[in-house]
PDB file of N, CA and C in Angstrom:
ATOM      1  N   UNK A   1       0.877  -1.226  -0.002  1.00  0.00           N
ATOM      2  CA  UNK A   1       0.025   0.005  -0.029  1.00  0.00           C
ATOM      3  C   UNK A   1       0.943   1.245  -0.058  1.00  0.00           C
ATOM      4  N   UNK A   2       0.571   2.119  -0.829  1.00  0.00           N
ATOM      5  CA  UNK A   2       1.406   3.381  -0.990  1.00  0.00           C
ATOM      6  C   UNK A   2       0.968   4.436   0.019  1.00  0.00           C
ATOM      7  N   UNK A   3       1.853   4.982   0.756  1.00  0.00           N
ATOM      8  CA  UNK A   3       1.632   6.022   1.586  1.00  0.00           C
ATOM      9  C   UNK A   3       1.155   7.305   0.996  1.00  0.00           C
ATOM     10  N   UNK A   4      -0.024   7.655   1.202  1.00  0.00           N
ATOM     11  CA  UNK A   4      -0.524   8.954   0.530  1.00  0.00           C
ATOM     12  C   UNK A   4       0.204  10.109   0.934  1.00  0.00           C
ATOM     13  N   UNK A   5       0.590  10.187   2.070  1.00  0.00           N
ATOM     14  CA  UNK A   5       1.375  11.396   2.674  1.00  0.00           C
ATOM     15  C   UNK A   5       2.653  11.526   1.841  1.00  0.00           C
ATOM     16  N   UNK A   6       3.415  10.457   1.751  1.00  0.00           N
ATOM     17  CA  UNK A   6       4.590  10.555   0.920  1.00  0.00           C
ATOM     18  C   UNK A   6       4.424  10.840  -0.534  1.00  0.00           C
ATOM     19  N   UNK A   7       3.307  10.338  -1.027  1.00  0.00           N
ATOM     20  CA  UNK A   7       3.062  10.437  -2.515  1.00  0.00           C
ATOM     21  C   UNK A   7       2.757  11.961  -2.668  1.00  0.00           C
ATOM     22  N   UNK A   8       1.963  12.537  -1.825  1.00  0.00           N
ATOM     23  CA  UNK A   8       1.657  13.949  -2.093  1.00  0.00           C
ATOM     24  C   UNK A   8       2.860  14.772  -1.751  1.00  0.00           C
ATOM     25  N   UNK A   9       3.745  14.420  -0.829  1.00  0.00           N
ATOM     26  CA  UNK A   9       5.018  15.120  -0.544  1.00  0.00           C
ATOM     27  C   UNK A   9       5.937  15.095  -1.649  1.00  0.00           C
ATOM     28  N   UNK A  10       6.066  13.883  -2.281  1.00  0.00           N
ATOM     29  CA  UNK A  10       6.866  13.827  -3.553  1.00  0.00           C
ATOM     30  C   UNK A  10       6.453  14.658  -4.598  1.00  0.00           C
ATOM     31  N   UNK A  11       5.196  14.772  -4.826  1.00  0.00           N
ATOM     32  CA  UNK A  11       4.588  15.594  -5.841  1.00  0.00           C
ATOM     33  C   UNK A  11       5.020  16.992  -5.709  1.00  0.00           C
ATOM     34  N   UNK A  12       5.098  17.503  -4.535  1.00  0.00           N
ATOM     35  CA  UNK A  12       5.432  18.930  -4.207  1.00  0.00           C
ATOM     36  C   UNK A  12       6.865  19.228  -4.065  1.00  0.00           C
ATOM     37  N   UNK A  13       7.690  18.193  -3.867  1.00  0.00           N
ATOM     38  CA  UNK A  13       9.133  18.432  -3.554  1.00  0.00           C
ATOM     39  C   UNK A  13       9.867  18.497  -4.940  1.00  0.00           C
ATOM     40  N   UNK A  14      10.941  19.308  -4.877  1.00  0.00           N
ATOM     41  CA  UNK A  14      11.868  19.351  -5.986  1.00  0.00           C
ATOM     42  C   UNK A  14      12.749  18.276  -5.980  1.00  0.00           C
ATOM     43  N   UNK A  15      13.867  18.222  -6.731  1.00  0.00           N
ATOM     44  CA  UNK A  15      14.776  17.186  -6.934  1.00  0.00           C
ATOM     45  C   UNK A  15      15.463  17.125  -5.486  1.00  0.00           C
ATOM     46  N   UNK A  16      16.033  18.170  -5.010  1.00  0.00           N
ATOM     47  CA  UNK A  16      16.698  18.027  -3.725  1.00  0.00           C
ATOM     48  C   UNK A  16      15.887  17.660  -2.511  1.00  0.00           C
ATOM     49  N   UNK A  17      14.738  18.118  -2.513  1.00  0.00           N
ATOM     50  CA  UNK A  17      13.670  17.655  -1.471  1.00  0.00           C
ATOM     51  C   UNK A  17      13.405  16.060  -1.654  1.00  0.00           C
ATOM     52  N   UNK A  18      13.325  15.605  -2.764  1.00  0.00           N
ATOM     53  CA  UNK A  18      13.127  14.162  -2.960  1.00  0.00           C
ATOM     54  C   UNK A  18      14.411  13.300  -2.539  1.00  0.00           C
ATOM     55  N   UNK A  19      15.543  13.903  -2.800  1.00  0.00           N
ATOM     56  CA  UNK A  19      16.783  13.187  -2.292  1.00  0.00           C
ATOM     57  C   UNK A  19      16.911  13.360  -0.837  1.00  0.00           C
ATOM     58  N   UNK A  20      16.544  14.453  -0.153  1.00  0.00           N
ATOM     59  CA  UNK A  20      16.541  14.579   1.226  1.00  0.00           C
ATOM     60  C   UNK A  20      15.582  13.535   1.928  1.00  0.00           C
ATOM     61  N   UNK A  21      14.451  13.390   1.334  1.00  0.00           N
ATOM     62  CA  UNK A  21      13.346  12.473   1.847  1.00  0.00           C
ATOM     63  C   UNK A  21      13.891  11.124   1.700  1.00  0.00           C
ATOM     64  N   UNK A  22      14.467  10.694   0.537  1.00  0.00           N
ATOM     65  CA  UNK A  22      15.043   9.325   0.354  1.00  0.00           C
ATOM     66  C   UNK A  22      16.130   9.090   1.376  1.00  0.00           C
ATOM     67  N   UNK A  23      17.031  10.112   1.704  1.00  0.00           N
ATOM     68  CA  UNK A  23      18.080   9.978   2.607  1.00  0.00           C
ATOM     69  C   UNK A  23      17.428   9.682   4.024  1.00  0.00           C
ATOM     70  N   UNK A  24      16.518  10.521   4.473  1.00  0.00           N
ATOM     71  CA  UNK A  24      15.890  10.297   5.704  1.00  0.00           C
ATOM     72  C   UNK A  24      15.149   9.053   5.797  1.00  0.00           C
ATOM     73  N   UNK A  25      14.666   8.541   4.871  1.00  0.00           N
ATOM     74  CA  UNK A  25      13.969   7.219   4.961  1.00  0.00           C
ATOM     75  C   UNK A  25      15.052   6.067   5.025  1.00  0.00           C
ATOM     76  N   UNK A  26      16.125   6.217   4.337  1.00  0.00           N
ATOM     77  CA  UNK A  26      17.167   5.175   4.391  1.00  0.00           C
ATOM     78  C   UNK A  26      17.759   5.217   5.924  1.00  0.00           C
ATOM     79  N   UNK A  27      18.029   6.393   6.402  1.00  0.00           N
ATOM     80  CA  UNK A  27      18.552   6.592   7.783  1.00  0.00           C
ATOM     81  C   UNK A  27      17.435   5.857   8.724  1.00  0.00           C
ATOM     82  N   UNK A  28      16.227   6.092   8.554  1.00  0.00           N
ATOM     83  CA  UNK A  28      15.245   5.576   9.500  1.00  0.00           C
ATOM     84  C   UNK A  28      15.178   3.976   9.318  1.00  0.00           C
ATOM     85  N   UNK A  29      15.267   3.426   8.237  1.00  0.00           N
ATOM     86  CA  UNK A  29      15.437   1.949   7.948  1.00  0.00           C
ATOM     87  C   UNK A  29      16.601   1.412   8.676  1.00  0.00           C
ATOM     88  N   UNK A  30      17.652   2.146   8.436  1.00  0.00           N
ATOM     89  CA  UNK A  30      19.029   1.551   9.011  1.00  0.00           C
ATOM     90  C   UNK A  30      18.925   1.561  10.485  1.00  0.00           C
ATOM     91  N   UNK A  31      18.128   2.412  11.135  1.00  0.00           N
ATOM     92  CA  UNK A  31      18.028   2.404  12.710  1.00  0.00           C
ATOM     93  C   UNK A  31      17.352   1.294  13.148  1.00  0.00           C
ATOM     94  N   UNK A  32      16.409   0.566  12.147  1.00  0.00           N
ATOM     95  CA  UNK A  32      15.685  -0.585  12.680  1.00  0.00           C
ATOM     96  C   UNK A  32      16.484  -1.846  12.498  1.00  0.00           C
ATOM     97  N   UNK A  33      17.580  -1.855  11.902  1.00  0.00           N
ATOM     98  CA  UNK A  33      18.426  -2.920  11.664  1.00  0.00           C
ATOM     99  C   UNK A  33      19.034  -3.529  13.004  1.00  0.00           C
ATOM    100  N   UNK A  34      19.058  -4.844  13.259  1.00  0.00           N
ATOM    101  CA  UNK A  34      19.527  -5.358  14.350  1.00  0.00           C
ATOM    102  C   UNK A  34      21.102  -5.768  13.911  1.00  0.00           C
ATOM    103  N   UNK A  35      22.072  -5.130  14.263  1.00  0.00           N
ATOM    104  CA  UNK A  35      23.437  -5.290  13.928  1.00  0.00           C
ATOM    105  C   UNK A  35      24.003  -6.532  14.558  1.00  0.00           C
ATOM    106  N   UNK A  36      24.722  -7.411  14.062  1.00  0.00           N
ATOM    107  CA  UNK A  36      25.426  -8.514  14.844  1.00  0.00           C
ATOM    108  C   UNK A  36      26.490  -8.051  15.731  1.00  0.00           C
ATOM    109  N   UNK A  37      26.723  -8.875  16.776  1.00  0.00           N
ATOM    110  CA  UNK A  37      27.962  -8.586  17.578  1.00  0.00           C
ATOM    111  C   UNK A  37      29.235  -8.969  16.793  1.00  0.00           C
ATOM    112  N   UNK A  38      30.278  -8.664  17.337  1.00  0.00           N
ATOM    113  CA  UNK A  38      31.549  -9.074  16.774  1.00  0.00           C
ATOM    114  C   UNK A  38      31.744 -10.630  16.752  1.00  0.00           C
ATOM    115  N   UNK A  39      31.278 -11.241  17.789  1.00  0.00           N
ATOM    116  CA  UNK A  39      31.287 -12.764  17.886  1.00  0.00           C
ATOM    117  C   UNK A  39      30.337 -13.339  16.895  1.00  0.00           C
ATOM    118  N   UNK A  40      29.121 -12.772  16.778  1.00  0.00           N
ATOM    119  CA  UNK A  40      28.292 -13.423  15.832  1.00  0.00           C
ATOM    120  C   UNK A  40      28.854 -13.080  14.338  1.00  0.00           C
ATOM    121  N   UNK A  41      29.352 -12.145  14.008  1.00  0.00           N
ATOM    122  CA  UNK A  41      29.903 -11.823  12.706  1.00  0.00           C
ATOM    123  C   UNK A  41      31.075 -12.727  12.455  1.00  0.00           C
ATOM    124  N   UNK A  42      31.945 -13.108  13.454  1.00  0.00           N
ATOM    125  CA  UNK A  42      32.962 -13.893  13.271  1.00  0.00           C
ATOM    126  C   UNK A  42      32.529 -15.282  12.925  1.00  0.00           C
ATOM    127  N   UNK A  43      31.488 -15.796  13.695  1.00  0.00           N
ATOM    128  CA  UNK A  43      30.949 -16.936  13.457  1.00  0.00           C
ATOM    129  C   UNK A  43      30.328 -17.072  12.032  1.00  0.00           C
ATOM    130  N   UNK A  44      29.460 -16.053  11.617  1.00  0.00           N
ATOM    131  CA  UNK A  44      28.874 -16.098  10.360  1.00  0.00           C
ATOM    132  C   UNK A  44      30.016 -16.190   9.261  1.00  0.00           C
ATOM    133  N   UNK A  45      30.873 -15.415   9.476  1.00  0.00           N
ATOM    134  CA  UNK A  45      32.024 -15.311   8.345  1.00  0.00           C
ATOM    135  C   UNK A  45      32.665 -16.690   8.227  1.00  0.00           C
ATOM    136  N   UNK A  46      32.933 -17.377   9.455  1.00  0.00           N
ATOM    137  CA  UNK A  46      33.569 -18.642   9.416  1.00  0.00           C
ATOM    138  C   UNK A  46      32.638 -19.714   8.755  1.00  0.00           C
ATOM    139  N   UNK A  47      31.330 -19.689   9.095  1.00  0.00           N
ATOM    140  CA  UNK A  47      30.407 -20.513   8.402  1.00  0.00           C
ATOM    141  C   UNK A  47      30.429 -20.359   6.857  1.00  0.00           C
ATOM    142  N   UNK A  48      30.460 -19.036   6.417  1.00  0.00           N
ATOM    143  CA  UNK A  48      30.477 -18.988   4.953  1.00  0.00           C
ATOM    144  C   UNK A  48      31.694 -19.438   4.316  1.00  0.00           C
ATOM    145  N   UNK A  49      32.869 -19.227   5.052  1.00  0.00           N
ATOM    146  CA  UNK A  49      34.163 -19.774   4.327  1.00  0.00           C
ATOM    147  C   UNK A  49      34.104 -21.270   4.373  1.00  0.00           C
ATOM    148  N   UNK A  50      33.506 -21.928   5.343  1.00  0.00           N
ATOM    149  CA  UNK A  50      33.646 -23.286   5.375  1.00  0.00           C
ATOM    150  C   UNK A  50      32.703 -23.877   4.260  1.00  0.00           C
ATOM    151  N   UNK A  51      31.389 -23.200   4.164  1.00  0.00           N
ATOM    152  CA  UNK A  51      30.504 -23.675   3.195  1.00  0.00           C
ATOM    153  C   UNK A  51      31.121 -23.496   1.749  1.00  0.00           C
ATOM    154  N   UNK A  52      31.725 -22.328   1.470  1.00  0.00           N
ATOM    155  CA  UNK A  52      32.310 -22.093   0.154  1.00  0.00           C
ATOM    156  C   UNK A  52      33.436 -23.125  -0.118  1.00  0.00           C
ATOM    157  N   UNK A  53      34.244 -23.388   0.888  1.00  0.00           N
ATOM    158  CA  UNK A  53      35.296 -24.340   0.793  1.00  0.00           C
ATOM    159  C   UNK A  53      34.688 -25.723   0.325  1.00  0.00           C
ATOM    160  N   UNK A  54      33.567 -26.086   0.948  1.00  0.00           N
ATOM    161  CA  UNK A  54      32.993 -27.412   0.794  1.00  0.00           C
ATOM    162  C   UNK A  54      32.536 -27.384  -0.655  1.00  0.00           C
ATOM    163  N   UNK A  55      31.790 -26.373  -0.997  1.00  0.00           N
ATOM    164  CA  UNK A  55      31.172 -26.356  -2.421  1.00  0.00           C
ATOM    165  C   UNK A  55      32.463 -26.391  -3.476  1.00  0.00           C
ATOM    166  N   UNK A  56      33.446 -25.617  -3.150  1.00  0.00           N
ATOM    167  CA  UNK A  56      34.560 -25.715  -4.158  1.00  0.00           C
ATOM    168  C   UNK A  56      35.120 -27.091  -4.353  1.00  0.00           C
ATOM    169  N   UNK A  57      35.244 -27.804  -3.024  1.00  0.00           N
ATOM    170  CA  UNK A  57      35.712 -29.237  -3.051  1.00  0.00           C
ATOM    171  C   UNK A  57      34.844 -30.123  -3.881  1.00  0.00           C
ATOM    172  N   UNK A  58      33.397 -29.978  -3.689  1.00  0.00           N
ATOM    173  CA  UNK A  58      32.577 -30.925  -4.331  1.00  0.00           C
ATOM    174  C   UNK A  58      32.636 -30.622  -5.882  1.00  0.00           C
ATOM    175  N   UNK A  59      32.686 -29.397  -6.326  1.00  0.00           N
ATOM    176  CA  UNK A  59      32.654 -29.079  -7.732  1.00  0.00           C
ATOM    177  C   UNK A  59      34.059 -29.533  -8.358  1.00  0.00           C
ATOM    178  N   UNK A  60      35.155 -29.364  -7.622  1.00  0.00           N
ATOM    179  CA  UNK A  60      36.463 -29.857  -8.110  1.00  0.00           C
ATOM    180  C   UNK A  60      36.513 -31.488  -8.340  1.00  0.00           C
ATOM    181  N   UNK A  61      35.999 -32.082  -7.319  1.00  0.00           N
ATOM    182  CA  UNK A  61      35.839 -33.585  -7.361  1.00  0.00           C
ATOM    183  C   UNK A  61      34.939 -33.978  -8.551  1.00  0.00           C
ATOM    184  N   UNK A  62      33.869 -33.261  -8.774  1.00  0.00           N
ATOM    185  CA  UNK A  62      33.014 -33.605  -9.900  1.00  0.00           C
ATOM    186  C   UNK A  62      33.648 -33.242 -11.190  1.00  0.00           C
ATOM    187  N   UNK A  63      34.502 -32.233 -11.317  1.00  0.00           N
ATOM    188  CA  UNK A  63      35.220 -31.850 -12.516  1.00  0.00           C
ATOM    189  C   UNK A  63      36.165 -32.921 -12.850  1.00  0.00           C
ATOM    190  N   UNK A  64      36.951 -33.315 -11.816  1.00  0.00           N
ATOM    191  CA  UNK A  64      37.913 -34.392 -12.176  1.00  0.00           C
ATOM    192  C   UNK A  64      37.329 -35.660 -12.596  1.00  0.00           C
ATOM    193  N   UNK A  65      36.269 -36.006 -11.838  1.00  0.00           N
ATOM    194  CA  UNK A  65      35.621 -37.326 -12.196  1.00  0.00           C
ATOM    195  C   UNK A  65      34.999 -37.265 -13.601  1.00  0.00           C
ATOM    196  N   UNK A  66      34.320 -36.230 -14.015  1.00  0.00           N
ATOM    197  CA  UNK A  66      33.858 -36.086 -15.284  1.00  0.00           C
ATOM    198  C   UNK A  66      34.820 -35.996 -16.298  1.00  0.00           C
ATOM    199  N   UNK A  67      35.946 -35.296 -16.075  1.00  0.00           N
ATOM    200  CA  UNK A  67      37.070 -35.149 -17.047  1.00  0.00           C
ATOM    201  C   UNK A  67      37.678 -36.485 -17.262  1.00  0.00           C
ATOM    202  N   UNK A  68      37.891 -37.392 -16.277  1.00  0.00           N
ATOM    203  CA  UNK A  68      38.340 -38.711 -16.516  1.00  0.00           C
ATOM    204  C   UNK A  68      37.321 -39.641 -17.284  1.00  0.00           C
ATOM    205  N   UNK A  69      36.025 -39.493 -17.030  1.00  0.00           N
ATOM    206  CA  UNK A  69      35.104 -40.220 -17.670  1.00  0.00           C
ATOM    207  C   UNK A  69      35.033 -39.709 -19.252  1.00  0.00           C
ATOM    208  N   UNK A  70      35.127 -38.466 -19.504  1.00  0.00           N
ATOM    209  CA  UNK A  70      35.075 -38.044 -20.853  1.00  0.00           C
ATOM    210  C   UNK A  70      36.324 -38.598 -21.579  1.00  0.00           C
ATOM    211  N   UNK A  71      37.500 -38.387 -20.981  1.00  0.00           N
ATOM    212  CA  UNK A  71      38.782 -38.995 -21.642  1.00  0.00           C
ATOM    213  C   UNK A  71      38.687 -40.407 -21.844  1.00  0.00           C
ATOM    214  N   UNK A  72      38.082 -41.074 -20.853  1.00  0.00           N
ATOM    215  CA  UNK A  72      37.948 -42.663 -21.071  1.00  0.00           C
ATOM    216  C   UNK A  72      37.105 -42.966 -22.198  1.00  0.00           C
ATOM    217  N   UNK A  73      36.009 -42.099 -22.449  1.00  0.00           N
ATOM    218  CA  UNK A  73      35.086 -42.490 -23.464  1.00  0.00           C
ATOM    219  C   UNK A  73      35.573 -42.137 -24.767  1.00  0.00           C
ATOM    220  N   UNK A  74      36.156 -40.914 -24.916  1.00  0.00           N
ATOM    221  CA  UNK A  74      36.595 -40.281 -26.105  1.00  0.00           C
ATOM    222  C   UNK A  74      38.062 -40.344 -26.421  1.00  0.00           C
ATOM    223  N   UNK A  75      38.831 -40.741 -25.451  1.00  0.00           N
ATOM    224  CA  UNK A  75      40.017 -40.637 -25.685  1.00  0.00           C
ATOM    225  C   UNK A  75      41.303 -41.457 -25.547  1.00  0.00           C
TER     226      UNK A  75
END
């Protein structure tokens, strides 16, 4: 649902007024964010690195296996 107040405000505002409104809305939304603690951030980062490493390993193993199968069939 569109907020009619902002819709009418935007119609009356110029370019800099709209930019200012956008900036204020962004700041208001960022204040609602629950930021992680340093310990949580470290944990999340480690989980991402482990997951990416696991996916790299799986793709590498599949690549080597499929390469050997293709060379065995064609080569």
